[in-house]
Structure formats: structure tokens, C-alpha cells
Protein backbone atom coordinates (compact mmCIF):
# COMPACT_ATOMS: atom_id res chain seq x y z
CA MET A 1 116.62 -4.27 154.91
CA PRO A 2 117.77 -4.95 151.07
CA ARG A 3 115.43 -5.92 149.07
CA GLN A 4 116.22 -9.65 147.88
CA GLU A 5 115.92 -10.65 143.97
CA LYS A 6 114.18 -12.96 142.86
CA VAL A 7 116.86 -16.17 141.78
CA THR A 8 115.65 -17.60 138.40
CA LYS A 9 117.12 -21.01 137.06
CA SER A 10 119.04 -20.84 134.17
CA LYS A 11 118.19 -22.36 130.81
CA VAL A 12 122.27 -22.40 130.08
CA GLN A 13 123.55 -25.51 130.19
CA GLY A 14 126.87 -26.48 129.77
CA GLU A 15 128.74 -23.53 127.56
CA GLY A 16 125.50 -22.33 125.77
CA ASP A 17 121.64 -22.01 125.97
CA TYR A 18 120.02 -25.05 124.21
CA GLU A 19 116.71 -22.89 124.00
CA ALA A 20 118.93 -20.13 122.04
CA ALA A 21 120.63 -22.65 119.33
CA ARG A 22 117.35 -24.21 118.31
CA ARG A 23 116.10 -20.59 117.66
CA TYR A 24 118.76 -20.44 115.83
CA ARG A 25 119.25 -23.34 113.77
CA LYS A 26 115.18 -23.00 113.12
CA ARG A 27 115.52 -19.40 111.71
CA THR A 28 118.90 -20.33 109.82
CA LYS A 29 116.80 -23.49 108.14
CA GLU A 30 113.82 -21.06 107.33
CA TYR A 31 116.52 -18.45 105.72
CA LEU A 32 117.66 -21.24 103.71
CA GLU A 33 114.44 -22.84 102.12
CA ASN A 34 112.72 -19.57 101.76
CA ASN A 35 115.83 -17.58 100.22
CA ASP A 36 118.26 -17.41 97.36
CA VAL A 37 121.55 -18.00 99.10
CA GLU A 38 123.70 -17.31 95.49
CA LYS A 39 122.14 -13.77 95.13
CA ALA A 40 122.67 -13.01 98.84
CA ALA A 41 126.27 -13.53 98.46
CA VAL A 42 126.29 -11.67 95.36
CA ARG A 43 125.23 -8.81 96.75
CA ALA A 44 127.25 -9.38 99.82
CA ALA A 45 130.35 -9.24 97.85
CA PRO A 46 132.45 -5.73 97.90
CA ARG A 47 131.42 -3.59 95.13
CA SER A 48 134.83 -1.84 94.57
CA ARG A 49 138.25 -2.18 95.13
CA ALA A 50 138.67 -0.14 97.62
CA GLU A 51 136.18 -1.78 99.64
CA ALA A 52 137.60 -5.39 98.82
CA GLU A 53 140.55 -3.76 100.95
CA ASP A 54 139.03 -1.93 103.64
CA LEU A 55 137.22 -5.46 104.36
CA LYS A 56 141.01 -7.15 104.68
CA ALA A 57 142.14 -4.90 106.42
CA SER A 58 139.53 -5.33 109.42
CA GLU A 59 139.66 -8.69 109.02
CA ALA A 60 143.70 -8.64 109.50
CA ALA A 61 142.68 -6.26 112.89
CA GLY A 62 140.16 -8.96 114.17
CA ARG A 63 142.63 -11.56 113.27
CA LYS A 64 145.62 -9.44 115.55
CA ARG A 65 143.33 -9.66 118.85
CA ALA A 66 142.16 -13.63 118.24
CA LYS A 67 143.94 -16.16 120.48
CA GLY A 68 144.27 -18.06 116.97
CA GLU A 69 142.28 -20.01 114.87
CA ASP A 70 140.10 -22.81 116.25
CA PRO A 71 141.97 -26.18 116.31
CA ALA A 72 138.50 -28.16 115.38
CA LEU A 73 139.11 -25.87 112.04
CA ARG A 74 142.00 -27.71 110.96
CA ARG A 75 141.08 -31.11 112.36
CA ARG A 76 138.28 -31.00 109.67
CA SER A 77 140.13 -30.53 106.75
CA ALA A 78 142.94 -32.89 107.43
CA PRO A 79 142.80 -36.18 105.42
CA ARG A 80 141.21 -38.87 106.42
CA VAL A 81 142.78 -42.01 107.32
CA ASP A 82 141.57 -45.51 107.09
CA ALA A 83 140.97 -47.10 110.84
CA SER A 84 143.24 -50.27 109.32
CA THR A 85 146.40 -48.49 108.29
CA ARG A 86 146.09 -46.00 111.86
CA GLY A 87 149.26 -46.00 113.79
CA LYS A 88 151.04 -48.48 110.76
CA SER A 89 154.19 -47.29 109.52
CA SER A 90 154.86 -47.09 105.81
CA ARG A 91 157.83 -48.89 106.25
CA HIS A 92 157.30 -52.83 106.43
């Protein structure tokens, strides 16, 4: 008789794991509170023109395989429209 695996209840709900999201937020908050983010950004910057070009080429290669930009990113950068003027034409 084949051995049966013990089935455990998954904590994944919807498209993500809530516990993993909580751990990520906690670690990110702790990092921001305990580290100099500006210094980290300077240390992470390319050290030469060649390294900068290599990073750009790598990013371009990654984007080439991507399905496209997340539409939510574009919506965030769009100008806000006052609710009282939404849907009204500029011609009166």
C-alpha cells in the first residue's frame, strides 16, 4: 500500500502568504529604523561607467522577457482629478 503524505493546511490566502508579508514588513521597518539608507544607496551605486553600463544592459535583458509594466505603477503617477470635475468636459 502506498505511503500517504500528511496534508497540512496552507496559510496562503489569495495570492500571498499573510505571515510572510508580515515578516517582510517587520524586517523592512527594522532595517529602515536601524540603518542609514542614504549611505546604503551610495554604497550600492555603480563604481565605474562600465559597471553602470553592465547594470543597464542587465535591466534591459530582464525587461525584454517581462510581460510589461504593472498598470498600477502608471495609475499612481497619473495626475489626480478632483471628484467634482471628473467626467465633465472642458467645453461649456
